[in-house]
């Protein structure tokens, strides 16, 4: 991928579907000009990508969309989160700045140096973060106009063993963790997700990761925008770290499609 190509893609769903499957961390691609500012050598960078990438989640969202009765929309990041992390706050509100992992990372999952600590994040934010945020906000606004509501389902995965960068990794690591927002995650959405993923065993809440993604212009103000983060423990569907997907991916796609159907009417 070159710097001129789009860094994200909105894949249309049914016109009357309120659901957006948001896939922010599935890609490994890093444009050459961004790679120049990243310090680890290629082999070490490849290992870091194995740890930090939510591998196969774009394929999971695609398979779920194909199975859903009413096709959801999909918003997919085509670049690695090592370029920018579109789900971080772009300023001092972001708690992950404490470990060098704000919107522009300066540290790796194992707290080694990824970029110089004095790296100016603004060029990367201007080139990648802000256009992504605007496009996602536009996608949500479009669903509000078309259907009167928007349901963002954030599709993630996480490692079975805690990595050093995790600020809240001491708690349970269930097969499926549901991240919530006090304003944007209504009880019905949470209940539908618990039902959809019940076959995978324990469905945890906000551990080891919490919260969910809502574009800032709607966050805390627009109740018609609901959201839930689905964090899937990687050993349920793939070989860690960074290995191939297994049969669990199909089962998860069926469960995610069930969730999409439950919140689409």
Protein backbone atom coordinates (compact mmCIF):
# COMPACT_ATOMS: atom_id res chain seq x y z
CA UNK A 1 0.00 0.00 0.00
CA UNK A 2 1.31 3.43 -0.92
CA UNK A 3 0.78 6.67 0.96
CA UNK A 4 -1.67 7.81 -1.73
CA UNK A 5 -4.11 4.92 -1.23
CA UNK A 6 -7.03 5.19 1.22
CA UNK A 7 -6.15 4.05 4.72
CA UNK A 8 -9.68 2.81 5.47
CA UNK A 9 -12.70 1.44 3.65
CA UNK A 10 -16.46 1.72 4.16
CA UNK A 11 -18.12 -1.40 2.78
CA UNK A 12 -21.84 -0.77 2.19
CA UNK A 13 -24.54 -2.89 3.78
CA UNK A 14 -28.29 -2.90 3.43
CA UNK A 15 -29.84 0.53 3.16
CA UNK A 16 -32.09 -0.14 6.15
CA UNK A 17 -29.40 -1.64 8.39
CA UNK A 18 -28.37 0.51 11.38
CA UNK A 19 -25.33 -1.68 12.13
CA UNK A 20 -21.71 -0.74 11.47
CA UNK A 21 -19.11 -3.42 12.15
CA UNK A 22 -16.01 -1.39 13.00
CA UNK A 23 -12.68 -3.19 12.46
CA UNK A 24 -9.83 -0.86 13.48
CA UNK A 25 -6.91 -3.16 14.30
CA UNK A 26 -6.90 -6.04 11.79
CA UNK A 27 -4.25 -4.83 9.33
CA UNK A 28 -0.44 -5.10 9.31
CA UNK A 29 0.22 -2.64 6.48
CA UNK A 30 2.60 0.30 7.16
CA UNK A 31 3.28 2.83 4.37
CA UNK A 32 6.98 3.27 3.51
CA UNK A 33 7.17 6.88 4.71
CA UNK A 34 5.71 5.85 8.07
CA UNK A 35 8.05 2.85 8.31
CA UNK A 36 10.98 5.26 8.11
CA UNK A 37 10.07 6.67 11.52
CA UNK A 38 9.76 3.28 13.23
CA UNK A 39 12.93 2.07 14.94
CA UNK A 40 12.83 -1.76 15.20
CA UNK A 41 14.40 -3.75 12.38
CA UNK A 42 12.13 -5.72 10.08
CA UNK A 43 12.24 -9.00 12.02
CA UNK A 44 11.49 -7.32 15.35
CA UNK A 45 8.76 -5.23 13.74
CA UNK A 46 7.16 -8.36 12.31
CA UNK A 47 7.08 -9.90 15.81
CA UNK A 48 5.52 -6.72 17.19
CA UNK A 49 2.85 -6.85 14.49
CA UNK A 50 2.10 -10.43 15.53
CA UNK A 51 1.38 -9.21 19.07
CA UNK A 52 -0.43 -5.94 18.37
CA UNK A 53 -2.60 -6.90 15.38
CA UNK A 54 -6.14 -8.20 15.88
CA UNK A 55 -5.47 -10.84 13.26
CA UNK A 56 -8.33 -12.14 11.08
CA UNK A 57 -10.92 -9.76 12.54
CA UNK A 58 -11.60 -8.24 9.10
CA UNK A 59 -12.29 -11.74 7.79
CA UNK A 60 -14.49 -12.38 10.81
CA UNK A 61 -16.56 -9.25 10.14
CA UNK A 62 -16.84 -10.13 6.44
CA UNK A 63 -18.03 -13.67 7.20
CA UNK A 64 -20.55 -12.36 9.73
CA UNK A 65 -21.87 -9.83 7.22
CA UNK A 66 -22.36 -12.59 4.66
CA UNK A 67 -24.35 -14.66 7.18
CA UNK A 68 -26.53 -11.86 8.57
CA UNK A 69 -30.13 -11.63 7.42
CA UNK A 70 -29.70 -7.89 6.83
CA UNK A 71 -26.18 -7.04 5.68
CA UNK A 72 -24.43 -4.68 8.10
CA UNK A 73 -22.09 -1.93 7.00
CA UNK A 74 -18.38 -2.43 7.65
CA UNK A 75 -15.78 0.23 8.38
CA UNK A 76 -12.33 -1.35 8.11
CA UNK A 77 -8.92 0.14 8.83
CA UNK A 78 -6.54 -0.97 6.10
CA UNK A 79 -3.41 0.18 7.93
CA UNK A 80 -1.73 -1.13 11.06
CA UNK A 81 -2.51 0.56 14.34
CA UNK A 82 1.25 1.23 14.48
CA UNK A 83 0.60 3.99 11.92
CA UNK A 84 -2.06 5.61 14.12
CA UNK A 85 -4.53 4.02 16.49
CA UNK A 86 -7.91 5.46 15.46
CA UNK A 87 -9.54 4.39 18.72
CA UNK A 88 -7.34 6.45 21.01
CA UNK A 89 -8.06 9.99 22.10
CA UNK A 90 -5.68 12.25 20.14
CA UNK A 91 -4.78 14.30 23.22
CA UNK A 92 -4.03 14.17 26.96
CA UNK A 93 -7.36 12.44 27.70
CA UNK A 94 -5.83 9.16 26.51
CA UNK A 95 -4.72 7.02 29.48
CA UNK A 96 -2.50 4.83 27.27
CA UNK A 97 -0.10 7.75 26.92
CA UNK A 98 1.28 6.48 30.22
CA UNK A 99 2.85 3.54 28.37
CA UNK A 100 3.69 5.37 25.15
CA UNK A 101 0.63 4.12 23.30
CA UNK A 102 -1.55 7.12 22.59
CA UNK A 103 -2.90 7.74 19.11
CA UNK A 104 0.70 7.55 17.81
CA UNK A 105 2.67 4.82 19.56
CA UNK A 106 6.20 5.40 20.79
CA UNK A 107 6.44 2.06 22.66
CA UNK A 108 5.74 -1.55 21.75
CA UNK A 109 3.57 -4.12 23.50
CA UNK A 110 6.68 -5.08 25.50
CA UNK A 111 7.49 -1.42 26.25
CA UNK A 112 10.52 -1.27 23.96
CA UNK A 113 11.12 1.84 21.89
CA UNK A 114 9.02 1.96 18.73
CA UNK A 115 9.57 5.62 17.85
CA UNK A 116 11.70 8.28 19.54
CA UNK A 117 9.90 9.61 22.61
CA UNK A 118 9.99 13.16 21.20
CA UNK A 119 8.25 12.18 17.95
CA UNK A 120 5.80 14.87 16.85
CA UNK A 121 2.48 13.06 16.38
CA UNK A 122 0.78 15.86 14.49
CA UNK A 123 1.79 14.90 10.91
CA UNK A 124 0.48 11.37 11.41
CA UNK A 125 -2.68 12.62 13.10
CA UNK A 126 -3.31 15.05 10.26
CA UNK A 127 -2.63 12.51 7.50
CA UNK A 128 -4.34 9.44 8.97
CA UNK A 129 -6.19 9.93 12.28
CA UNK A 130 -8.43 12.90 11.52
CA UNK A 131 -9.62 11.71 8.06
CA UNK A 132 -10.45 8.32 9.59
CA UNK A 133 -12.40 9.91 12.43
CA UNK A 134 -14.34 12.14 10.03
CA UNK A 135 -15.19 9.27 7.72
CA UNK A 136 -16.41 7.13 10.61
CA UNK A 137 -18.49 10.03 11.93
CA UNK A 138 -19.96 10.50 8.45
CA UNK A 139 -20.83 6.79 8.29
CA UNK A 140 -22.64 7.02 11.62
CA UNK A 141 -24.47 10.17 10.55
CA UNK A 142 -25.55 8.42 7.37
CA UNK A 143 -27.06 5.52 9.36
CA UNK A 144 -28.86 8.00 11.61
CA UNK A 145 -30.35 9.70 8.58
CA UNK A 146 -31.31 6.45 6.88
CA UNK A 147 -32.62 4.46 9.86
CA UNK A 148 -32.96 6.85 12.79
CA UNK A 149 -30.24 5.09 14.76
CA UNK A 150 -26.74 3.65 14.50
CA UNK A 151 -25.34 0.54 16.21
CA UNK A 152 -21.54 0.35 16.28
CA UNK A 153 -20.12 -3.10 16.98
CA UNK A 154 -16.39 -2.81 17.52
CA UNK A 155 -14.64 -6.05 16.46
CA UNK A 156 -11.37 -6.78 18.29
CA UNK A 157 -9.26 -9.63 19.59
CA UNK A 158 -6.79 -9.93 22.45
CA UNK A 159 -4.03 -12.35 23.52
CA UNK A 160 -4.67 -15.16 25.97
CA UNK A 161 -1.69 -14.04 28.10
CA UNK A 162 -1.28 -10.51 29.39
CA UNK A 163 1.22 -8.32 27.54
CA UNK A 164 3.36 -5.77 29.42
CA UNK A 165 1.61 -2.71 27.93
CA UNK A 166 -1.81 -3.62 29.34
CA UNK A 167 -2.87 -1.20 32.06
CA UNK A 168 -5.75 -3.34 33.33
CA UNK A 169 -4.67 -6.85 32.46
CA UNK A 170 -4.78 -8.32 35.94
CA UNK A 171 -8.47 -9.25 35.73
CA UNK A 172 -10.29 -12.12 34.01
CA UNK A 173 -9.52 -13.01 30.38
CA UNK A 174 -12.74 -14.68 29.22
CA UNK A 175 -13.24 -16.17 25.74
CA UNK A 176 -15.33 -13.11 24.85
CA UNK A 177 -15.00 -9.74 26.62
CA UNK A 178 -17.70 -7.15 26.04
CA UNK A 179 -16.59 -3.55 26.37
CA UNK A 180 -19.27 -1.05 27.29
CA UNK A 181 -19.96 2.65 27.62
CA UNK A 182 -22.28 3.96 30.34
CA UNK A 183 -24.10 6.24 27.89
CA UNK A 184 -23.97 4.30 24.62
CA UNK A 185 -24.40 0.64 25.63
CA UNK A 186 -28.04 -0.05 26.54
CA UNK A 187 -28.97 -3.22 28.44
CA UNK A 188 -30.66 -4.74 25.40
CA UNK A 189 -27.54 -4.54 23.28
CA UNK A 190 -25.44 -6.10 26.02
CA UNK A 191 -27.98 -8.88 26.58
CA UNK A 192 -28.12 -9.65 22.85
CA UNK A 193 -24.33 -10.00 22.75
CA UNK A 194 -24.27 -12.28 25.78
CA UNK A 195 -26.89 -14.50 24.15
CA UNK A 196 -25.09 -14.55 20.80
CA UNK A 197 -21.74 -15.59 22.26
CA UNK A 198 -23.07 -17.87 25.04
CA UNK A 199 -21.77 -21.01 23.33
CA UNK A 200 -18.17 -19.87 23.85
CA UNK A 201 -18.46 -20.09 27.62
CA UNK A 202 -17.94 -17.16 29.93
CA UNK A 203 -18.76 -13.76 28.45
CA UNK A 204 -16.93 -11.17 30.53
CA UNK A 205 -17.59 -7.49 30.98
CA UNK A 206 -14.94 -4.75 30.58
CA UNK A 207 -11.99 -7.02 31.48
CA UNK A 208 -9.26 -7.00 30.39
CA UNK A 209 -10.37 -4.19 28.06
CA UNK A 210 -13.20 -1.74 28.59
CA UNK A 211 -15.12 0.90 26.72
CA UNK A 212 -16.18 1.09 23.11
CA UNK A 213 -15.73 3.38 20.14
CA UNK A 214 -18.10 6.22 19.33
CA UNK A 215 -17.03 9.15 17.12
CA UNK A 216 -16.30 12.14 19.33
CA UNK A 217 -19.02 14.33 17.82
CA UNK A 218 -21.64 11.84 19.06
CA UNK A 219 -19.94 10.66 22.23
CA UNK A 220 -21.99 11.28 25.36
CA UNK A 221 -24.59 13.35 23.54
CA UNK A 222 -26.43 11.29 20.92
CA UNK A 223 -28.41 8.45 22.51
CA UNK A 224 -29.49 7.13 19.12
CA UNK A 225 -25.89 5.97 18.64
CA UNK A 226 -25.35 2.74 20.57
CA UNK A 227 -22.11 0.84 20.74
CA UNK A 228 -20.45 -2.30 22.04
CA UNK A 229 -16.89 -3.60 21.84
CA UNK A 230 -16.47 -7.31 21.20
CA UNK A 231 -13.02 -8.53 22.31
CA UNK A 232 -12.37 -12.15 21.36
CA UNK A 233 -9.57 -14.07 23.05
CA UNK A 234 -7.28 -15.16 20.25
CA UNK A 235 -6.83 -18.78 21.30
CA UNK A 236 -10.52 -19.34 20.56
CA UNK A 237 -9.95 -18.97 16.81
CA UNK A 238 -6.25 -18.76 15.84
CA UNK A 239 -2.69 -19.81 16.63
CA UNK A 240 -0.98 -17.16 18.74
CA UNK A 241 0.76 -14.88 18.06
CA UNK A 242 0.02 -13.95 14.48
CA UNK A 243 -0.69 -17.46 13.22
CA UNK A 244 -3.44 -18.86 11.01
CA UNK A 245 -7.12 -18.91 11.84
CA UNK A 246 -8.81 -22.15 12.80
CA UNK A 247 -12.38 -23.49 12.81
CA UNK A 248 -13.29 -21.18 15.69
CA UNK A 249 -13.43 -18.30 13.22
CA UNK A 250 -16.50 -19.77 11.50
CA UNK A 251 -18.30 -20.28 14.79
CA UNK A 252 -17.50 -16.74 15.85
CA UNK A 253 -18.79 -15.39 12.52
CA UNK A 254 -22.06 -17.19 13.10
CA UNK A 255 -22.31 -15.74 16.61
CA UNK A 256 -21.51 -12.23 15.39
CA UNK A 257 -24.13 -12.57 12.65
CA UNK A 258 -26.64 -13.60 15.30
CA UNK A 259 -25.82 -10.43 17.23
CA UNK A 260 -26.18 -8.31 14.10
CA UNK A 261 -29.58 -9.84 13.39
CA UNK A 262 -30.72 -9.32 16.98
CA UNK A 263 -30.04 -5.58 16.89
CA UNK A 264 -31.05 -4.89 13.27
CA UNK A 265 -34.89 -4.86 13.43
